[in-house]
Amino acid sequence: MIDTAVATLERRGDIVSVRFKPDAHLNLEEMARVVRAKHELCDTEPADILVVLPSEMDFDLTVLAVDHHSAHGGCGLSRRLALAASSPFHERLAHIYFRYHPREHETAVFLEESEALAWLQASQPGLS
């Protein structure tokens, strides 16, 4: 587990979860720290990524203008990414973000964490 000022990251099996904190302010510097921390958790073994946003979150709009995956070296051996937006507003922003900054691997945006996790678990590589 890695705890940063704005998120808690944890690896459980083949899934690395990134849970952003509701009381934190996300800016470019903090986002870079989160991506580097994520890299540590999936640098040696493949992993799917589960990102969970709180329903209310304070962030600089400049965070949306940067392809963090490319700018900070991606996530080692990351595969698919499921984002749980937790609010319709964040869901729309996530769709816009990934339209402008597509990832090389499959990416999906959901409103609820349970939906995002179910998608990752149902489509795990190697499962029939």
C-alpha atoms as a PDB file:
ATOM      1  CA  MET A   1       0.000   0.000   0.000  1.00  0.00           C
ATOM      2  CA  ILE A   2       1.186   3.510  -0.811  1.00  0.00           C
ATOM      3  CA  ASP A   3      -0.416   6.598   0.683  1.00  0.00           C
ATOM      4  CA  THR A   4       0.048   9.980  -0.990  1.00  0.00           C
ATOM      5  CA  ALA A   5      -1.433  13.345  -0.078  1.00  0.00           C
ATOM      6  CA  VAL A   6      -4.330  12.848  -2.525  1.00  0.00           C
ATOM      7  CA  ALA A   7      -4.760   9.082  -2.936  1.00  0.00           C
ATOM      8  CA  THR A   8      -4.265   5.672  -1.410  1.00  0.00           C
ATOM      9  CA  LEU A   9      -2.938   2.975  -3.734  1.00  0.00           C
ATOM     10  CA  GLU A  10      -3.023  -0.738  -3.059  1.00  0.00           C
ATOM     11  CA  ARG A  11      -2.296  -3.905  -4.968  1.00  0.00           C
ATOM     12  CA  ARG A  12      -4.504  -6.936  -4.369  1.00  0.00           C
ATOM     13  CA  GLY A  13      -3.727  -9.771  -6.725  1.00  0.00           C
ATOM     14  CA  ASP A  14      -3.966  -8.567 -10.318  1.00  0.00           C
ATOM     15  CA  ILE A  15      -5.700  -5.280  -9.460  1.00  0.00           C
ATOM     16  CA  VAL A  16      -4.081  -2.030  -8.370  1.00  0.00           C
ATOM     17  CA  SER A  17      -6.639   0.308  -6.833  1.00  0.00           C
ATOM     18  CA  VAL A  18      -6.150   4.061  -6.759  1.00  0.00           C
ATOM     19  CA  ARG A  19      -8.583   5.731  -4.365  1.00  0.00           C
ATOM     20  CA  PHE A  20      -8.547   9.501  -4.436  1.00  0.00           C
ATOM     21  CA  LYS A  21      -9.266  11.219  -1.121  1.00  0.00           C
ATOM     22  CA  PRO A  22     -12.325  13.487  -0.932  1.00  0.00           C
ATOM     23  CA  ASP A  23     -10.629  16.161   1.176  1.00  0.00           C
ATOM     24  CA  ALA A  24      -7.515  16.513  -1.015  1.00  0.00           C
ATOM     25  CA  HIS A  25      -6.731  19.038  -3.741  1.00  0.00           C
ATOM     26  CA  LEU A  26      -5.483  17.370  -6.928  1.00  0.00           C
ATOM     27  CA  ASN A  27      -2.995  19.335  -9.014  1.00  0.00           C
ATOM     28  CA  LEU A  28      -0.362  18.402 -11.598  1.00  0.00           C
ATOM     29  CA  GLU A  29       2.358  17.756  -9.014  1.00  0.00           C
ATOM     30  CA  GLU A  30       0.163  15.492  -6.891  1.00  0.00           C
ATOM     31  CA  MET A  31      -1.110  13.630  -9.955  1.00  0.00           C
ATOM     32  CA  ALA A  32       2.494  12.944 -10.974  1.00  0.00           C
ATOM     33  CA  ARG A  33       3.129  11.489  -7.493  1.00  0.00           C
ATOM     34  CA  VAL A  34       0.102   9.216  -7.837  1.00  0.00           C
ATOM     35  CA  VAL A  35       1.201   7.937 -11.262  1.00  0.00           C
ATOM     36  CA  ARG A  36       4.737   7.254  -9.978  1.00  0.00           C
ATOM     37  CA  ALA A  37       3.312   5.404  -6.957  1.00  0.00           C
ATOM     38  CA  LYS A  38       1.054   3.372  -9.255  1.00  0.00           C
ATOM     39  CA  HIS A  39       4.102   2.509 -11.332  1.00  0.00           C
ATOM     40  CA  GLU A  40       5.788   1.045  -8.231  1.00  0.00           C
ATOM     41  CA  LEU A  41       2.857  -1.326  -7.703  1.00  0.00           C
ATOM     42  CA  CYS A  42       2.718  -2.658 -11.271  1.00  0.00           C
ATOM     43  CA  ASP A  43       6.297  -2.424 -12.472  1.00  0.00           C
ATOM     44  CA  THR A  44       7.229  -6.100 -12.170  1.00  0.00           C
ATOM     45  CA  GLU A  45       3.915  -7.949 -12.666  1.00  0.00           C
ATOM     46  CA  PRO A  46       0.943  -7.137 -14.941  1.00  0.00           C
ATOM     47  CA  ALA A  47      -2.036  -5.470 -13.285  1.00  0.00           C
ATOM     48  CA  ASP A  48      -5.401  -3.997 -14.091  1.00  0.00           C
ATOM     49  CA  ILE A  49      -6.095  -0.551 -12.638  1.00  0.00           C
ATOM     50  CA  LEU A  50      -9.183   0.461 -10.659  1.00  0.00           C
ATOM     51  CA  VAL A  51      -9.447   4.230 -10.133  1.00  0.00           C
ATOM     52  CA  VAL A  52     -12.059   5.450  -7.663  1.00  0.00           C
ATOM     53  CA  LEU A  53     -12.967   9.132  -7.506  1.00  0.00           C
ATOM     54  CA  PRO A  54     -14.904  10.535  -4.555  1.00  0.00           C
ATOM     55  CA  SER A  55     -18.274  12.057  -5.422  1.00  0.00           C
ATOM     56  CA  GLU A  56     -16.876  15.492  -4.617  1.00  0.00           C
ATOM     57  CA  MET A  57     -13.285  16.286  -5.404  1.00  0.00           C
ATOM     58  CA  ASP A  58     -11.277  19.490  -5.610  1.00  0.00           C
ATOM     59  CA  PHE A  59      -8.872  19.616  -8.547  1.00  0.00           C
ATOM     60  CA  ASP A  60      -7.117  22.025 -10.867  1.00  0.00           C
ATOM     61  CA  LEU A  61      -8.547  21.949 -14.391  1.00  0.00           C
ATOM     62  CA  THR A  62      -4.969  21.713 -15.705  1.00  0.00           C
ATOM     63  CA  VAL A  63      -5.010  18.062 -14.564  1.00  0.00           C
ATOM     64  CA  LEU A  64      -7.363  17.332 -17.472  1.00  0.00           C
ATOM     65  CA  ALA A  65      -4.989  18.833 -20.040  1.00  0.00           C
ATOM     66  CA  VAL A  66      -2.129  16.365 -19.482  1.00  0.00           C
ATOM     67  CA  ASP A  67      -1.787  12.754 -20.625  1.00  0.00           C
ATOM     68  CA  HIS A  68      -0.453  11.531 -17.279  1.00  0.00           C
ATOM     69  CA  HIS A  69       0.057   7.989 -18.544  1.00  0.00           C
ATOM     70  CA  SER A  70       2.505   9.206 -21.194  1.00  0.00           C
ATOM     71  CA  ALA A  71       4.001  12.102 -19.230  1.00  0.00           C
ATOM     72  CA  HIS A  72       5.028   9.980 -16.252  1.00  0.00           C
ATOM     73  CA  GLY A  73       6.003   6.699 -17.854  1.00  0.00           C
ATOM     74  CA  GLY A  74       2.699   4.931 -17.741  1.00  0.00           C
ATOM     75  CA  CYS A  75       2.288   2.176 -15.234  1.00  0.00           C
ATOM     76  CA  GLY A  76       4.856  -0.442 -15.981  1.00  0.00           C
ATOM     77  CA  LEU A  77       2.914  -3.541 -16.896  1.00  0.00           C
ATOM     78  CA  SER A  78      -0.581  -2.101 -16.505  1.00  0.00           C
ATOM     79  CA  ARG A  79      -3.350  -3.493 -18.651  1.00  0.00           C
ATOM     80  CA  ARG A  80      -6.971  -2.376 -18.507  1.00  0.00           C
ATOM     81  CA  LEU A  81      -8.239   0.599 -16.540  1.00  0.00           C
ATOM     82  CA  ALA A  82     -11.679   0.926 -14.959  1.00  0.00           C
ATOM     83  CA  LEU A  83     -12.620   4.291 -13.505  1.00  0.00           C
ATOM     84  CA  ALA A  84     -15.433   4.654 -10.980  1.00  0.00           C
ATOM     85  CA  ALA A  85     -16.496   8.280 -11.300  1.00  0.00           C
ATOM     86  CA  SER A  86     -18.962   8.367  -8.337  1.00  0.00           C
ATOM     87  CA  SER A  87     -20.875  11.312  -9.831  1.00  0.00           C
ATOM     88  CA  PRO A  88     -22.388  12.106 -13.227  1.00  0.00           C
ATOM     89  CA  PHE A  89     -20.170  15.211 -13.496  1.00  0.00           C
ATOM     90  CA  HIS A  90     -16.949  13.220 -12.970  1.00  0.00           C
ATOM     91  CA  GLU A  91     -18.227  10.532 -15.311  1.00  0.00           C
ATOM     92  CA  ARG A  92     -18.607  13.107 -18.108  1.00  0.00           C
ATOM     93  CA  LEU A  93     -15.180  14.603 -17.388  1.00  0.00           C
ATOM     94  CA  ALA A  94     -13.587  11.142 -17.487  1.00  0.00           C
ATOM     95  CA  HIS A  95     -15.134  10.379 -20.866  1.00  0.00           C
ATOM     96  CA  ILE A  96     -13.847  13.698 -22.208  1.00  0.00           C
ATOM     97  CA  TYR A  97     -10.382  13.094 -20.700  1.00  0.00           C
ATOM     98  CA  PHE A  98     -10.019   9.635 -22.263  1.00  0.00           C
ATOM     99  CA  ARG A  99     -11.300  10.916 -25.611  1.00  0.00           C
ATOM    100  CA  TYR A 100      -8.397  13.382 -25.707  1.00  0.00           C
ATOM    101  CA  HIS A 101      -5.892  11.093 -23.990  1.00  0.00           C
ATOM    102  CA  PRO A 102      -6.691   7.526 -25.079  1.00  0.00           C
ATOM    103  CA  ARG A 103      -4.777   4.686 -23.465  1.00  0.00           C
ATOM    104  CA  GLU A 104      -3.231   1.848 -25.414  1.00  0.00           C
ATOM    105  CA  HIS A 105      -5.180  -0.687 -23.329  1.00  0.00           C
ATOM    106  CA  GLU A 106      -8.903  -1.106 -22.821  1.00  0.00           C
ATOM    107  CA  THR A 107     -10.431   1.632 -20.650  1.00  0.00           C
ATOM    108  CA  ALA A 108     -13.946   1.920 -19.249  1.00  0.00           C
ATOM    109  CA  VAL A 109     -15.724   4.551 -17.149  1.00  0.00           C
ATOM    110  CA  PHE A 110     -18.485   3.669 -14.698  1.00  0.00           C
ATOM    111  CA  LEU A 111     -20.571   5.599 -12.234  1.00  0.00           C
ATOM    112  CA  GLU A 112     -20.251   3.041  -9.415  1.00  0.00           C
ATOM    113  CA  GLU A 113     -17.191   1.253  -8.027  1.00  0.00           C
ATOM    114  CA  SER A 114     -19.037  -2.074  -7.981  1.00  0.00           C
ATOM    115  CA  GLU A 115     -19.639  -1.807 -11.747  1.00  0.00           C
ATOM    116  CA  ALA A 116     -15.986  -0.989 -12.441  1.00  0.00           C
ATOM    117  CA  LEU A 117     -14.739  -3.866 -10.318  1.00  0.00           C
ATOM    118  CA  ALA A 118     -17.236  -6.295 -11.869  1.00  0.00           C
ATOM    119  CA  TRP A 119     -16.028  -5.292 -15.339  1.00  0.00           C
ATOM    120  CA  LEU A 120     -12.403  -5.937 -14.387  1.00  0.00           C
ATOM    121  CA  GLN A 121     -13.215  -9.280 -12.775  1.00  0.00           C
ATOM    122  CA  ALA A 122     -15.500 -10.467 -15.587  1.00  0.00           C
ATOM    123  CA  SER A 123     -12.995  -9.731 -18.303  1.00  0.00           C
ATOM    124  CA  GLN A 124      -9.759 -10.836 -16.659  1.00  0.00           C
ATOM    125  CA  PRO A 125      -7.221 -12.134 -19.156  1.00  0.00           C
ATOM    126  CA  GLY A 126      -7.015 -15.912 -19.195  1.00  0.00           C
ATOM    127  CA  LEU A 127     -10.525 -16.479 -17.804  1.00  0.00           C
ATOM    128  CA  SER A 128     -13.113 -18.229 -19.931  1.00  0.00           C
END
